[in-house]
Amino acid sequence: MSTVPEAWRTEAAAVEAVLTVALEPVPPGILAELLEVPVERVEELCQALAASYEAEERGFALVRVAGGYRFQSHPSLYGYVERFVLEGSMQRLSPAALETLAVVAYKQPISRAQVSVIRGVNVEATMRTLVQHGYVREVGRDAGPGQAVMFGTSALFLEKLGLDSLADLPPLQHFVPGAETVELLEQALRPAPEG
């Protein structure tokens, strides 16, 4: 970035300094306020920084996730980072927790009882685990009888999946069989008529 004006170098350095100490992704609006420049300028700065890190084949990348910018390890170096992080210290989510998290992600806001109906099992303990890990949070109450607590995913969920917003979730049709396949499965699973 040596060919860019001095103001850009100073602003870029300020973005780097803030993102280096940030614990969560920093929204471009906050960066714009700190630098006293328009949000569009912050977006340009972040794109330029990201491109320069990529061109220099750095071990980190500047990415936009959960509505803000943050530094993270470069995806091509995942294996090294995984070995470092997983040295006995990280606990993985169970398949039941992952299934429950997927239901919440795609159906939110959703009550615990609704998740249980969709999964066909009681999800009380699983939901508690997801809330404790910070992937799921209470987002309100149902207006209906009993005013059930409604749940949704958190910013940490977006951050861990590397998504900027829920709109970036893959479409469900990639995971659900077509109507013809469902019909064939239902026919195959129906009991044969007695007689």
C-alpha atoms as a PDB file:
ATOM      1  CA  MET A   1       0.000   0.000   0.000  1.00  0.00           C
ATOM      2  CA  SER A   2       3.023   2.262  -0.427  1.00  0.00           C
ATOM      3  CA  THR A   3       1.510   3.937  -3.514  1.00  0.00           C
ATOM      4  CA  VAL A   4      -1.578   5.130  -1.668  1.00  0.00           C
ATOM      5  CA  PRO A   5      -1.919   8.612  -0.156  1.00  0.00           C
ATOM      6  CA  GLU A   6      -0.736   9.229   3.408  1.00  0.00           C
ATOM      7  CA  ALA A   7      -4.334   9.640   4.671  1.00  0.00           C
ATOM      8  CA  TRP A   8      -5.181   6.150   3.422  1.00  0.00           C
ATOM      9  CA  ARG A   9      -2.110   4.654   5.114  1.00  0.00           C
ATOM     10  CA  THR A  10      -3.040   6.293   8.416  1.00  0.00           C
ATOM     11  CA  GLU A  11      -6.678   5.187   8.150  1.00  0.00           C
ATOM     12  CA  ALA A  12      -5.662   1.663   7.141  1.00  0.00           C
ATOM     13  CA  ALA A  13      -3.259   1.481  10.093  1.00  0.00           C
ATOM     14  CA  ALA A  14      -6.044   2.681  12.404  1.00  0.00           C
ATOM     15  CA  VAL A  15      -8.387  -0.054  11.089  1.00  0.00           C
ATOM     16  CA  GLU A  16      -5.662  -2.652  11.657  1.00  0.00           C
ATOM     17  CA  ALA A  17      -5.009  -1.393  15.190  1.00  0.00           C
ATOM     18  CA  VAL A  18      -8.681  -1.488  16.177  1.00  0.00           C
ATOM     19  CA  LEU A  19      -9.315  -4.919  14.647  1.00  0.00           C
ATOM     20  CA  THR A  20      -6.210  -6.322  16.318  1.00  0.00           C
ATOM     21  CA  VAL A  21      -7.607  -5.619  19.795  1.00  0.00           C
ATOM     22  CA  ALA A  22     -11.299  -6.267  19.037  1.00  0.00           C
ATOM     23  CA  LEU A  23     -12.806  -9.374  20.595  1.00  0.00           C
ATOM     24  CA  GLU A  24     -15.762  -9.441  18.189  1.00  0.00           C
ATOM     25  CA  PRO A  25     -16.283  -8.322  14.583  1.00  0.00           C
ATOM     26  CA  VAL A  26     -16.384  -4.511  14.408  1.00  0.00           C
ATOM     27  CA  PRO A  27     -19.255  -3.035  12.346  1.00  0.00           C
ATOM     28  CA  PRO A  28     -18.155  -0.649   9.574  1.00  0.00           C
ATOM     29  CA  GLY A  29     -20.291   2.111  11.124  1.00  0.00           C
ATOM     30  CA  ILE A  30     -18.217   2.027  14.298  1.00  0.00           C
ATOM     31  CA  LEU A  31     -14.969   2.078  12.317  1.00  0.00           C
ATOM     32  CA  ALA A  32     -16.323   5.047  10.331  1.00  0.00           C
ATOM     33  CA  GLU A  33     -17.096   6.926  13.559  1.00  0.00           C
ATOM     34  CA  LEU A  34     -13.634   6.204  14.967  1.00  0.00           C
ATOM     35  CA  LEU A  35     -11.882   7.334  11.787  1.00  0.00           C
ATOM     36  CA  GLU A  36     -14.354  10.180  11.193  1.00  0.00           C
ATOM     37  CA  VAL A  37     -14.892   9.091   7.578  1.00  0.00           C
ATOM     38  CA  PRO A  38     -17.948   7.817   5.659  1.00  0.00           C
ATOM     39  CA  VAL A  39     -18.871   4.133   5.926  1.00  0.00           C
ATOM     40  CA  GLU A  40     -18.136   3.760   2.197  1.00  0.00           C
ATOM     41  CA  ARG A  41     -14.523   4.780   2.869  1.00  0.00           C
ATOM     42  CA  VAL A  42     -14.237   2.127   5.592  1.00  0.00           C
ATOM     43  CA  GLU A  43     -15.608  -0.492   3.192  1.00  0.00           C
ATOM     44  CA  GLU A  44     -13.037   0.562   0.559  1.00  0.00           C
ATOM     45  CA  LEU A  45     -10.226   0.477   3.129  1.00  0.00           C
ATOM     46  CA  CYS A  46     -11.198  -2.972   4.378  1.00  0.00           C
ATOM     47  CA  GLN A  47     -11.494  -4.347   0.842  1.00  0.00           C
ATOM     48  CA  ALA A  48      -8.089  -2.901  -0.053  1.00  0.00           C
ATOM     49  CA  LEU A  49      -6.509  -4.321   3.109  1.00  0.00           C
ATOM     50  CA  ALA A  50      -8.091  -7.734   2.519  1.00  0.00           C
ATOM     51  CA  ALA A  51      -6.822  -7.767  -1.075  1.00  0.00           C
ATOM     52  CA  SER A  52      -3.300  -6.777  -0.019  1.00  0.00           C
ATOM     53  CA  TYR A  53      -3.158  -9.517   2.649  1.00  0.00           C
ATOM     54  CA  GLU A  54      -4.345 -12.048   0.094  1.00  0.00           C
ATOM     55  CA  ALA A  55      -1.792 -10.876  -2.489  1.00  0.00           C
ATOM     56  CA  GLU A  56       0.979 -11.125   0.125  1.00  0.00           C
ATOM     57  CA  GLU A  57      -0.197 -14.669   1.009  1.00  0.00           C
ATOM     58  CA  ARG A  58      -0.435 -13.805   4.700  1.00  0.00           C
ATOM     59  CA  GLY A  59      -1.419 -16.342   7.343  1.00  0.00           C
ATOM     60  CA  PHE A  60      -4.421 -14.235   8.257  1.00  0.00           C
ATOM     61  CA  ALA A  61      -7.288 -12.608   6.398  1.00  0.00           C
ATOM     62  CA  LEU A  62      -9.530  -9.616   6.961  1.00  0.00           C
ATOM     63  CA  VAL A  63     -13.094 -10.876   6.607  1.00  0.00           C
ATOM     64  CA  ARG A  64     -16.611  -9.561   7.042  1.00  0.00           C
ATOM     65  CA  VAL A  65     -18.657 -11.727   9.398  1.00  0.00           C
ATOM     66  CA  ALA A  66     -21.618 -11.159  11.724  1.00  0.00           C
ATOM     67  CA  GLY A  67     -22.111  -7.635  10.363  1.00  0.00           C
ATOM     68  CA  GLY A  68     -18.553  -6.461  10.971  1.00  0.00           C
ATOM     69  CA  TYR A  69     -14.887  -6.944  10.153  1.00  0.00           C
ATOM     70  CA  ARG A  70     -12.321  -9.069  11.966  1.00  0.00           C
ATOM     71  CA  PHE A  71      -8.991 -10.765  11.454  1.00  0.00           C
ATOM     72  CA  GLN A  72      -8.964 -14.546  11.275  1.00  0.00           C
ATOM     73  CA  SER A  73      -6.540 -17.221  10.214  1.00  0.00           C
ATOM     74  CA  HIS A  74      -6.348 -17.836   6.473  1.00  0.00           C
ATOM     75  CA  PRO A  75      -8.641 -20.718   5.419  1.00  0.00           C
ATOM     76  CA  SER A  76      -5.800 -22.501   3.608  1.00  0.00           C
ATOM     77  CA  LEU A  77      -3.990 -22.906   6.954  1.00  0.00           C
ATOM     78  CA  TYR A  78      -6.968 -24.473   8.730  1.00  0.00           C
ATOM     79  CA  GLY A  79      -5.155 -27.743   9.475  1.00  0.00           C
ATOM     80  CA  TYR A  80      -2.376 -26.050  11.426  1.00  0.00           C
ATOM     81  CA  VAL A  81      -4.768 -23.877  13.408  1.00  0.00           C
ATOM     82  CA  GLU A  82      -7.052 -26.821  14.138  1.00  0.00           C
ATOM     83  CA  ARG A  83      -4.172 -28.869  15.540  1.00  0.00           C
ATOM     84  CA  PHE A  84      -3.103 -25.945  17.723  1.00  0.00           C
ATOM     85  CA  VAL A  85      -6.619 -25.270  19.057  1.00  0.00           C
ATOM     86  CA  LEU A  86      -7.692 -28.880  19.491  1.00  0.00           C
ATOM     87  CA  GLU A  87      -4.831 -29.973  21.705  1.00  0.00           C
ATOM     88  CA  GLY A  88      -7.383 -31.458  24.109  1.00  0.00           C
ATOM     89  CA  SER A  89      -9.010 -28.145  24.940  1.00  0.00           C
ATOM     90  CA  MET A  90     -12.003 -27.895  22.639  1.00  0.00           C
ATOM     91  CA  GLN A  91     -15.254 -29.728  23.137  1.00  0.00           C
ATOM     92  CA  ARG A  92     -17.252 -30.539  19.999  1.00  0.00           C
ATOM     93  CA  LEU A  93     -21.022 -30.284  19.745  1.00  0.00           C
ATOM     94  CA  SER A  94     -22.883 -33.585  19.624  1.00  0.00           C
ATOM     95  CA  PRO A  95     -24.874 -34.564  16.518  1.00  0.00           C
ATOM     96  CA  ALA A  96     -28.070 -33.859  18.499  1.00  0.00           C
ATOM     97  CA  ALA A  97     -26.828 -30.358  19.340  1.00  0.00           C
ATOM     98  CA  LEU A  98     -25.878 -29.707  15.713  1.00  0.00           C
ATOM     99  CA  GLU A  99     -29.316 -30.860  14.512  1.00  0.00           C
ATOM    100  CA  THR A 100     -31.029 -28.656  17.096  1.00  0.00           C
ATOM    101  CA  LEU A 101     -28.836 -25.704  16.152  1.00  0.00           C
ATOM    102  CA  ALA A 102     -29.749 -26.191  12.475  1.00  0.00           C
ATOM    103  CA  VAL A 103     -33.473 -26.185  13.318  1.00  0.00           C
ATOM    104  CA  VAL A 104     -33.101 -22.970  15.308  1.00  0.00           C
ATOM    105  CA  ALA A 105     -30.998 -21.345  12.572  1.00  0.00           C
ATOM    106  CA  TYR A 106     -33.504 -22.026   9.812  1.00  0.00           C
ATOM    107  CA  LYS A 107     -36.783 -21.654  11.755  1.00  0.00           C
ATOM    108  CA  GLN A 108     -36.050 -18.785  14.159  1.00  0.00           C
ATOM    109  CA  PRO A 109     -37.656 -17.371  16.150  1.00  0.00           C
ATOM    110  CA  ILE A 110     -38.748 -20.729  17.488  1.00  0.00           C
ATOM    111  CA  SER A 111     -39.786 -22.114  20.873  1.00  0.00           C
ATOM    112  CA  ARG A 112     -38.182 -25.070  22.605  1.00  0.00           C
ATOM    113  CA  ALA A 113     -41.438 -27.040  22.180  1.00  0.00           C
ATOM    114  CA  GLN A 114     -41.490 -26.342  18.432  1.00  0.00           C
ATOM    115  CA  VAL A 115     -37.909 -27.580  18.109  1.00  0.00           C
ATOM    116  CA  SER A 116     -38.875 -30.730  20.040  1.00  0.00           C
ATOM    117  CA  VAL A 117     -41.767 -31.378  17.649  1.00  0.00           C
ATOM    118  CA  ILE A 118     -39.550 -30.960  14.593  1.00  0.00           C
ATOM    119  CA  ARG A 119     -36.792 -33.179  15.985  1.00  0.00           C
ATOM    120  CA  GLY A 120     -39.188 -35.689  17.544  1.00  0.00           C
ATOM    121  CA  VAL A 121     -37.331 -35.707  20.878  1.00  0.00           C
ATOM    122  CA  ASN A 122     -37.130 -33.556  23.992  1.00  0.00           C
ATOM    123  CA  VAL A 123     -34.511 -30.861  23.372  1.00  0.00           C
ATOM    124  CA  GLU A 124     -34.492 -29.244  26.831  1.00  0.00           C
ATOM    125  CA  ALA A 125     -30.910 -30.247  27.714  1.00  0.00           C
ATOM    126  CA  THR A 126     -29.623 -29.661  24.195  1.00  0.00           C
ATOM    127  CA  MET A 127     -31.071 -26.153  24.063  1.00  0.00           C
ATOM    128  CA  ARG A 128     -29.553 -25.394  27.462  1.00  0.00           C
ATOM    129  CA  THR A 129     -26.142 -26.492  26.130  1.00  0.00           C
ATOM    130  CA  LEU A 130     -26.487 -24.312  23.021  1.00  0.00           C
ATOM    131  CA  VAL A 131     -27.454 -21.303  25.161  1.00  0.00           C
ATOM    132  CA  GLN A 132     -24.496 -21.934  27.516  1.00  0.00           C
ATOM    133  CA  HIS A 133     -22.100 -22.108  24.561  1.00  0.00           C
ATOM    134  CA  GLY A 134     -23.545 -18.827  23.278  1.00  0.00           C
ATOM    135  CA  TYR A 135     -24.781 -20.123  19.900  1.00  0.00           C
ATOM    136  CA  VAL A 136     -28.472 -19.687  20.745  1.00  0.00           C
ATOM    137  CA  ARG A 137     -30.145 -16.921  22.720  1.00  0.00           C
ATOM    138  CA  GLU A 138     -33.583 -15.857  23.874  1.00  0.00           C
ATOM    139  CA  VAL A 139     -35.042 -13.412  21.362  1.00  0.00           C
ATOM    140  CA  GLY A 140     -38.486 -12.777  22.843  1.00  0.00           C
ATOM    141  CA  ARG A 141     -41.746 -14.382  23.877  1.00  0.00           C
ATOM    142  CA  ASP A 142     -44.521 -15.937  21.832  1.00  0.00           C
ATOM    143  CA  ALA A 143     -47.692 -13.854  21.792  1.00  0.00           C
ATOM    144  CA  GLY A 144     -49.829 -17.000  22.164  1.00  0.00           C
ATOM    145  CA  PRO A 145     -50.981 -18.822  25.288  1.00  0.00           C
ATOM    146  CA  GLY A 146     -48.226 -19.449  27.822  1.00  0.00           C
ATOM    147  CA  GLN A 147     -45.949 -16.909  26.143  1.00  0.00           C
ATOM    148  CA  ALA A 148     -43.219 -19.450  25.389  1.00  0.00           C
ATOM    149  CA  VAL A 149     -39.636 -18.218  25.216  1.00  0.00           C
ATOM    150  CA  MET A 150     -38.550 -17.849  21.597  1.00  0.00           C
ATOM    151  CA  PHE A 151     -34.989 -18.637  20.561  1.00  0.00           C
ATOM    152  CA  GLY A 152     -32.724 -17.533  17.736  1.00  0.00           C
ATOM    153  CA  THR A 153     -29.080 -17.781  16.847  1.00  0.00           C
ATOM    154  CA  SER A 154     -26.506 -15.351  18.205  1.00  0.00           C
ATOM    155  CA  ALA A 155     -23.784 -13.213  16.670  1.00  0.00           C
ATOM    156  CA  LEU A 156     -21.319 -15.847  17.928  1.00  0.00           C
ATOM    157  CA  PHE A 157     -23.121 -18.423  15.748  1.00  0.00           C
ATOM    158  CA  LEU A 158     -22.603 -16.199  12.686  1.00  0.00           C
ATOM    159  CA  GLU A 159     -19.017 -15.540  13.676  1.00  0.00           C
ATOM    160  CA  LYS A 160     -18.152 -19.223  14.149  1.00  0.00           C
ATOM    161  CA  LEU A 161     -19.705 -20.124  10.790  1.00  0.00           C
ATOM    162  CA  GLY A 162     -18.033 -17.194   9.052  1.00  0.00           C
ATOM    163  CA  LEU A 163     -21.354 -15.694   7.952  1.00  0.00           C
ATOM    164  CA  ASP A 164     -22.175 -12.005   7.704  1.00  0.00           C
ATOM    165  CA  SER A 165     -25.918 -12.583   8.195  1.00  0.00           C
ATOM    166  CA  LEU A 166     -28.518 -15.364   8.292  1.00  0.00           C
ATOM    167  CA  ALA A 167     -29.207 -14.659   4.615  1.00  0.00           C
ATOM    168  CA  ASP A 168     -25.824 -16.309   3.939  1.00  0.00           C
ATOM    169  CA  LEU A 169     -27.025 -19.708   5.234  1.00  0.00           C
ATOM    170  CA  PRO A 170     -27.162 -22.262   2.413  1.00  0.00           C
ATOM    171  CA  PRO A 171     -30.684 -22.752   1.041  1.00  0.00           C
ATOM    172  CA  LEU A 172     -32.547 -25.679   2.591  1.00  0.00           C
ATOM    173  CA  GLN A 173     -33.445 -27.235  -0.760  1.00  0.00           C
ATOM    174  CA  HIS A 174     -29.815 -28.439  -0.985  1.00  0.00           C
ATOM    175  CA  PHE A 175     -30.468 -30.674   2.036  1.00  0.00           C
ATOM    176  CA  VAL A 176     -34.095 -31.743   1.548  1.00  0.00           C
ATOM    177  CA  PRO A 177     -35.064 -34.449  -0.950  1.00  0.00           C
ATOM    178  CA  GLY A 178     -37.529 -33.540  -3.689  1.00  0.00           C
ATOM    179  CA  ALA A 179     -41.248 -34.390  -3.554  1.00  0.00           C
ATOM    180  CA  GLU A 180     -40.799 -37.439  -5.813  1.00  0.00           C
ATOM    181  CA  THR A 181     -38.125 -38.900  -3.542  1.00  0.00           C
ATOM    182  CA  VAL A 182     -40.286 -38.331  -0.458  1.00  0.00           C
ATOM    183  CA  GLU A 183     -43.224 -40.070  -2.162  1.00  0.00           C
ATOM    184  CA  LEU A 184     -41.058 -43.068  -3.111  1.00  0.00           C
ATOM    185  CA  LEU A 185     -39.780 -43.317   0.469  1.00  0.00           C
ATOM    186  CA  GLU A 186     -43.325 -43.161   1.860  1.00  0.00           C
ATOM    187  CA  GLN A 187     -44.487 -45.895  -0.528  1.00  0.00           C
ATOM    188  CA  ALA A 188     -41.550 -48.115   0.391  1.00  0.00           C
ATOM    189  CA  LEU A 189     -42.168 -47.645   4.122  1.00  0.00           C
ATOM    190  CA  ARG A 190     -45.926 -48.292   4.056  1.00  0.00           C
ATOM    191  CA  PRO A 191     -46.857 -51.688   5.474  1.00  0.00           C
ATOM    192  CA  ALA A 192     -47.970 -54.214   2.878  1.00  0.00           C
ATOM    193  CA  PRO A 193     -51.716 -54.874   2.860  1.00  0.00           C
ATOM    194  CA  GLU A 194     -52.673 -58.023   4.707  1.00  0.00           C
ATOM    195  CA  GLY A 195     -54.503 -60.619   2.819  1.00  0.00           C
END
